[in-house]
Amino acid sequence: MTRGDPRMPPDEFTVITLCGSMRFREEFARLDAELTLAGHVVLTPTALDPSTELSSEDRERLGRVHLQKIAMADEVLVVNVGGYLGESTRRELEHARSRGLPVSFLEPHAEPG
């Protein structure tokens, strides 16, 4: 059975995937706790110790894993502290929108163009 299968009980919880730069890891942790306590399932980027050295293959794999987390979401929340949107976050935002997912931003955000 898959999500949306009429034999499955309706989802009780909204799945929210957080996207953004891990330089804001404290904000991610705060939002994860706040949203979970509010009754949501929260998927976040993997918070590695900043001293962890990753190969290009590791970075690529982590990027693909996070795109899968976006695909599993009902909606996406972009953690754009100070309006910051890095290249990876922009790619994730495009992925979410290409899947028709609702996207919101932690801070006000003006679309370019």
N, C-alpha and C. Protein backbone atom coordinates (compact mmCIF):
# COMPACT_ATOMS: atom_id res chain seq x y z
N MET A 1 0.84 -1.18 0.00
CA MET A 1 0.00 0.00 0.00
C MET A 1 0.89 1.25 0.00
N THR A 2 0.45 2.26 -0.70
CA THR A 2 1.20 3.50 -0.77
C THR A 2 0.38 4.65 -0.23
N ARG A 3 1.05 5.75 0.01
CA ARG A 3 0.36 6.95 0.48
C ARG A 3 -0.72 7.31 -0.53
N GLY A 4 -1.89 7.65 -0.06
CA GLY A 4 -3.00 7.97 -0.94
C GLY A 4 -3.84 6.77 -1.31
N ASP A 5 -3.41 5.57 -0.96
CA ASP A 5 -4.16 4.34 -1.23
C ASP A 5 -5.42 4.38 -0.36
N PRO A 6 -6.59 4.17 -0.96
CA PRO A 6 -7.83 4.26 -0.18
C PRO A 6 -7.92 3.24 0.95
N ARG A 7 -7.09 2.19 0.92
CA ARG A 7 -7.11 1.19 2.00
C ARG A 7 -6.33 1.68 3.22
N MET A 8 -5.52 2.74 3.04
CA MET A 8 -4.73 3.28 4.15
C MET A 8 -5.57 4.27 4.94
N PRO A 9 -5.42 4.28 6.26
CA PRO A 9 -6.13 5.30 7.03
C PRO A 9 -5.59 6.68 6.67
N PRO A 10 -6.40 7.72 6.80
CA PRO A 10 -5.92 9.06 6.46
C PRO A 10 -4.76 9.44 7.37
N ASP A 11 -3.83 10.22 6.81
CA ASP A 11 -2.70 10.69 7.61
C ASP A 11 -3.20 11.59 8.72
N GLU A 12 -2.71 11.35 9.90
CA GLU A 12 -3.12 12.16 11.04
C GLU A 12 -2.25 13.40 11.17
N PHE A 13 -1.03 13.31 10.69
CA PHE A 13 -0.07 14.38 10.88
C PHE A 13 0.42 14.94 9.55
N THR A 14 0.69 16.23 9.51
CA THR A 14 1.29 16.87 8.36
C THR A 14 2.79 16.64 8.42
N VAL A 15 3.38 16.26 7.28
CA VAL A 15 4.83 16.08 7.20
C VAL A 15 5.42 17.37 6.63
N ILE A 16 6.31 17.99 7.40
CA ILE A 16 6.96 19.23 7.01
C ILE A 16 8.45 18.98 6.88
N THR A 17 9.01 19.31 5.72
CA THR A 17 10.45 19.22 5.55
C THR A 17 11.04 20.61 5.66
N LEU A 18 12.06 20.74 6.51
CA LEU A 18 12.78 22.00 6.67
C LEU A 18 13.93 22.04 5.68
N CYS A 19 14.12 23.17 5.03
CA CYS A 19 15.23 23.37 4.09
C CYS A 19 15.96 24.64 4.47
N GLY A 20 17.24 24.67 4.20
CA GLY A 20 18.03 25.88 4.46
C GLY A 20 19.45 25.51 4.80
N SER A 21 20.24 26.53 5.03
CA SER A 21 21.65 26.35 5.35
C SER A 21 21.82 25.81 6.76
N MET A 22 22.70 24.85 6.90
CA MET A 22 22.95 24.28 8.23
C MET A 22 23.76 25.23 9.11
N ARG A 23 24.12 26.40 8.60
CA ARG A 23 24.72 27.40 9.49
C ARG A 23 23.69 27.86 10.52
N PHE A 24 22.41 27.56 10.23
CA PHE A 24 21.32 27.93 11.14
C PHE A 24 20.83 26.71 11.93
N ARG A 25 21.75 25.81 12.30
CA ARG A 25 21.36 24.56 12.96
C ARG A 25 20.58 24.79 14.24
N GLU A 26 20.85 25.86 14.97
CA GLU A 26 20.08 26.12 16.19
C GLU A 26 18.62 26.44 15.85
N GLU A 27 18.41 27.16 14.76
CA GLU A 27 17.06 27.49 14.33
C GLU A 27 16.33 26.22 13.86
N PHE A 28 17.06 25.33 13.16
CA PHE A 28 16.48 24.05 12.75
C PHE A 28 16.04 23.25 13.97
N ALA A 29 16.88 23.18 14.99
CA ALA A 29 16.54 22.41 16.20
C ALA A 29 15.32 23.02 16.89
N ARG A 30 15.26 24.35 16.97
CA ARG A 30 14.13 25.01 17.60
C ARG A 30 12.84 24.72 16.83
N LEU A 31 12.89 24.85 15.51
CA LEU A 31 11.70 24.61 14.68
C LEU A 31 11.27 23.15 14.73
N ASP A 32 12.25 22.24 14.72
CA ASP A 32 11.94 20.81 14.79
C ASP A 32 11.14 20.53 16.06
N ALA A 33 11.63 21.02 17.19
CA ALA A 33 10.93 20.78 18.46
C ALA A 33 9.57 21.46 18.48
N GLU A 34 9.51 22.71 18.05
CA GLU A 34 8.26 23.47 18.08
C GLU A 34 7.19 22.82 17.19
N LEU A 35 7.57 22.46 15.98
CA LEU A 35 6.61 21.87 15.05
C LEU A 35 6.20 20.46 15.48
N THR A 36 7.13 19.69 16.02
CA THR A 36 6.81 18.35 16.50
C THR A 36 5.83 18.42 17.66
N LEU A 37 6.09 19.34 18.59
CA LEU A 37 5.18 19.50 19.73
C LEU A 37 3.79 19.97 19.28
N ALA A 38 3.73 20.64 18.12
CA ALA A 38 2.44 21.09 17.57
C ALA A 38 1.73 19.96 16.81
N GLY A 39 2.38 18.79 16.72
CA GLY A 39 1.73 17.64 16.10
C GLY A 39 2.09 17.38 14.65
N HIS A 40 3.24 17.87 14.21
CA HIS A 40 3.69 17.61 12.85
C HIS A 40 4.83 16.60 12.86
N VAL A 41 5.01 15.93 11.72
CA VAL A 41 6.19 15.10 11.51
C VAL A 41 7.19 15.99 10.79
N VAL A 42 8.39 16.15 11.34
CA VAL A 42 9.37 17.08 10.80
C VAL A 42 10.57 16.32 10.26
N LEU A 43 10.91 16.62 9.01
CA LEU A 43 12.11 16.06 8.37
C LEU A 43 13.10 17.21 8.18
N THR A 44 14.32 17.00 8.60
CA THR A 44 15.33 18.06 8.51
C THR A 44 16.56 17.56 7.80
N PRO A 45 17.41 18.50 7.34
CA PRO A 45 18.71 18.08 6.82
C PRO A 45 19.50 17.41 7.95
N THR A 46 20.42 16.57 7.59
CA THR A 46 21.25 15.90 8.58
C THR A 46 22.22 16.91 9.19
N ALA A 47 22.19 17.05 10.51
CA ALA A 47 23.04 18.01 11.21
C ALA A 47 24.32 17.32 11.63
N LEU A 48 25.33 17.43 10.81
CA LEU A 48 26.63 16.85 11.13
C LEU A 48 27.46 17.86 11.92
N ASP A 49 28.40 17.35 12.69
CA ASP A 49 29.33 18.23 13.38
C ASP A 49 30.05 19.07 12.33
N PRO A 50 30.19 20.38 12.55
CA PRO A 50 30.83 21.23 11.54
C PRO A 50 32.25 20.81 11.16
N SER A 51 32.91 20.07 12.03
CA SER A 51 34.27 19.63 11.72
C SER A 51 34.31 18.36 10.86
N THR A 52 33.16 17.76 10.60
CA THR A 52 33.11 16.54 9.80
C THR A 52 33.51 16.84 8.36
N GLU A 53 34.50 16.10 7.88
CA GLU A 53 34.94 16.28 6.50
C GLU A 53 34.18 15.30 5.62
N LEU A 54 33.60 15.83 4.54
CA LEU A 54 32.81 15.01 3.63
C LEU A 54 33.45 15.00 2.25
N SER A 55 33.41 13.84 1.63
CA SER A 55 33.87 13.75 0.25
C SER A 55 32.79 14.32 -0.66
N SER A 56 33.12 14.54 -1.91
CA SER A 56 32.10 15.03 -2.85
C SER A 56 30.99 13.99 -3.01
N GLU A 57 31.33 12.69 -2.92
CA GLU A 57 30.32 11.64 -3.00
C GLU A 57 29.38 11.71 -1.79
N ASP A 58 29.95 11.95 -0.61
CA ASP A 58 29.13 12.09 0.60
C ASP A 58 28.16 13.26 0.46
N ARG A 59 28.67 14.40 -0.03
CA ARG A 59 27.83 15.59 -0.20
C ARG A 59 26.71 15.33 -1.20
N GLU A 60 27.05 14.64 -2.29
CA GLU A 60 26.06 14.31 -3.31
C GLU A 60 24.98 13.40 -2.73
N ARG A 61 25.38 12.39 -1.97
CA ARG A 61 24.44 11.45 -1.37
C ARG A 61 23.52 12.17 -0.38
N LEU A 62 24.10 13.01 0.48
CA LEU A 62 23.29 13.76 1.44
C LEU A 62 22.30 14.67 0.73
N GLY A 63 22.71 15.26 -0.38
CA GLY A 63 21.81 16.09 -1.17
C GLY A 63 20.64 15.30 -1.72
N ARG A 64 20.93 14.10 -2.23
CA ARG A 64 19.87 13.23 -2.77
C ARG A 64 18.93 12.77 -1.65
N VAL A 65 19.48 12.46 -0.49
CA VAL A 65 18.65 12.04 0.65
C VAL A 65 17.71 13.19 1.03
N HIS A 66 18.22 14.41 1.04
CA HIS A 66 17.35 15.52 1.42
C HIS A 66 16.27 15.78 0.36
N LEU A 67 16.60 15.59 -0.91
CA LEU A 67 15.57 15.72 -1.95
C LEU A 67 14.47 14.67 -1.74
N GLN A 68 14.85 13.49 -1.27
CA GLN A 68 13.85 12.46 -0.97
C GLN A 68 12.98 12.89 0.21
N LYS A 69 13.59 13.54 1.21
CA LYS A 69 12.81 14.04 2.35
C LYS A 69 11.80 15.07 1.87
N ILE A 70 12.19 15.89 0.91
CA ILE A 70 11.25 16.87 0.34
C ILE A 70 10.12 16.14 -0.36
N ALA A 71 10.46 15.11 -1.13
CA ALA A 71 9.44 14.34 -1.86
C ALA A 71 8.45 13.67 -0.90
N MET A 72 8.86 13.36 0.30
CA MET A 72 8.00 12.71 1.29
C MET A 72 7.10 13.70 2.04
N ALA A 73 7.33 14.99 1.84
CA ALA A 73 6.65 16.02 2.63
C ALA A 73 5.28 16.38 2.07
N ASP A 74 4.46 16.92 2.96
CA ASP A 74 3.21 17.55 2.56
C ASP A 74 3.45 19.03 2.27
N GLU A 75 4.45 19.58 2.92
CA GLU A 75 4.82 20.98 2.72
C GLU A 75 6.27 21.20 3.12
N VAL A 76 6.82 22.33 2.68
CA VAL A 76 8.22 22.67 2.94
C VAL A 76 8.28 24.02 3.64
N LEU A 77 9.14 24.11 4.65
CA LEU A 77 9.41 25.37 5.33
C LEU A 77 10.88 25.70 5.12
N VAL A 78 11.13 26.86 4.50
CA VAL A 78 12.51 27.29 4.23
C VAL A 78 12.98 28.14 5.40
N VAL A 79 14.10 27.73 5.99
CA VAL A 79 14.71 28.44 7.11
C VAL A 79 15.69 29.45 6.50
N ASN A 80 15.17 30.64 6.22
CA ASN A 80 15.94 31.67 5.51
C ASN A 80 16.29 32.82 6.44
N VAL A 81 17.03 32.51 7.48
CA VAL A 81 17.43 33.51 8.48
C VAL A 81 18.15 34.65 7.77
N GLY A 82 17.73 35.87 8.04
CA GLY A 82 18.33 37.04 7.41
C GLY A 82 18.09 37.09 5.91
N GLY A 83 17.13 36.29 5.43
CA GLY A 83 16.84 36.25 4.00
C GLY A 83 17.79 35.38 3.20
N TYR A 84 18.69 34.67 3.89
CA TYR A 84 19.71 33.90 3.17
C TYR A 84 19.13 32.66 2.49
N LEU A 85 19.42 32.51 1.19
CA LEU A 85 19.09 31.32 0.41
C LEU A 85 20.32 30.93 -0.38
N GLY A 86 20.98 29.87 0.02
CA GLY A 86 22.15 29.40 -0.70
C GLY A 86 21.78 28.59 -1.93
N GLU A 87 22.78 28.19 -2.67
CA GLU A 87 22.58 27.43 -3.91
C GLU A 87 21.83 26.12 -3.66
N SER A 88 22.22 25.37 -2.64
CA SER A 88 21.55 24.10 -2.34
C SER A 88 20.09 24.33 -1.97
N THR A 89 19.84 25.35 -1.17
CA THR A 89 18.47 25.64 -0.76
C THR A 89 17.63 26.04 -1.96
N ARG A 90 18.20 26.81 -2.89
CA ARG A 90 17.47 27.18 -4.11
C ARG A 90 17.10 25.94 -4.92
N ARG A 91 18.03 25.00 -4.99
CA ARG A 91 17.77 23.74 -5.72
C ARG A 91 16.65 22.96 -5.03
N GLU A 92 16.69 22.90 -3.71
CA GLU A 92 15.64 22.21 -2.96
C GLU A 92 14.29 22.89 -3.14
N LEU A 93 14.30 24.21 -3.16
CA LEU A 93 13.07 24.97 -3.36
C LEU A 93 12.47 24.67 -4.74
N GLU A 94 13.31 24.63 -5.76
CA GLU A 94 12.85 24.27 -7.11
C GLU A 94 12.26 22.86 -7.13
N HIS A 95 12.91 21.94 -6.43
CA HIS A 95 12.44 20.55 -6.37
C HIS A 95 11.05 20.49 -5.72
N ALA A 96 10.89 21.21 -4.61
CA ALA A 96 9.60 21.22 -3.91
C ALA A 96 8.51 21.80 -4.82
N ARG A 97 8.82 22.89 -5.47
CA ARG A 97 7.82 23.52 -6.34
C ARG A 97 7.50 22.65 -7.54
N SER A 98 8.50 21.93 -8.06
CA SER A 98 8.25 21.06 -9.22
C SER A 98 7.31 19.91 -8.84
N ARG A 99 7.25 19.59 -7.56
CA ARG A 99 6.36 18.54 -7.05
C ARG A 99 5.02 19.09 -6.60
N GLY A 100 4.85 20.41 -6.74
CA GLY A 100 3.59 21.03 -6.36
C GLY A 100 3.39 21.19 -4.87
N LEU A 101 4.46 21.16 -4.11
CA LEU A 101 4.35 21.26 -2.65
C LEU A 101 4.21 22.71 -2.22
N PRO A 102 3.38 22.97 -1.23
CA PRO A 102 3.32 24.32 -0.67
C PRO A 102 4.64 24.64 0.00
N VAL A 103 5.14 25.86 -0.22
CA VAL A 103 6.41 26.30 0.35
C VAL A 103 6.16 27.58 1.13
N SER A 104 6.66 27.61 2.35
CA SER A 104 6.62 28.84 3.14
C SER A 104 8.03 29.16 3.63
N PHE A 105 8.20 30.39 4.06
CA PHE A 105 9.51 30.87 4.48
C PHE A 105 9.43 31.33 5.92
N LEU A 106 10.49 31.07 6.68
CA LEU A 106 10.55 31.50 8.07
C LEU A 106 10.47 33.01 8.15
N GLU A 107 11.20 33.71 7.28
CA GLU A 107 11.22 35.16 7.25
C GLU A 107 10.65 35.62 5.92
N PRO A 108 10.15 36.85 5.88
CA PRO A 108 9.61 37.35 4.61
C PRO A 108 10.61 37.17 3.48
N HIS A 109 10.07 36.83 2.32
CA HIS A 109 10.92 36.48 1.18
C HIS A 109 10.35 37.09 -0.09
N ALA A 110 11.18 37.81 -0.82
CA ALA A 110 10.76 38.36 -2.11
C ALA A 110 11.35 37.49 -3.21
N GLU A 111 10.51 37.07 -4.14
CA GLU A 111 10.98 36.27 -5.25
C GLU A 111 11.76 37.14 -6.22
N PRO A 112 12.90 36.65 -6.74
CA PRO A 112 13.66 37.44 -7.71
C PRO A 112 12.86 37.64 -9.00
N GLY A 113 13.15 38.77 -9.68
CA GLY A 113 12.54 39.02 -10.97
C GLY A 113 11.27 39.74 -10.84
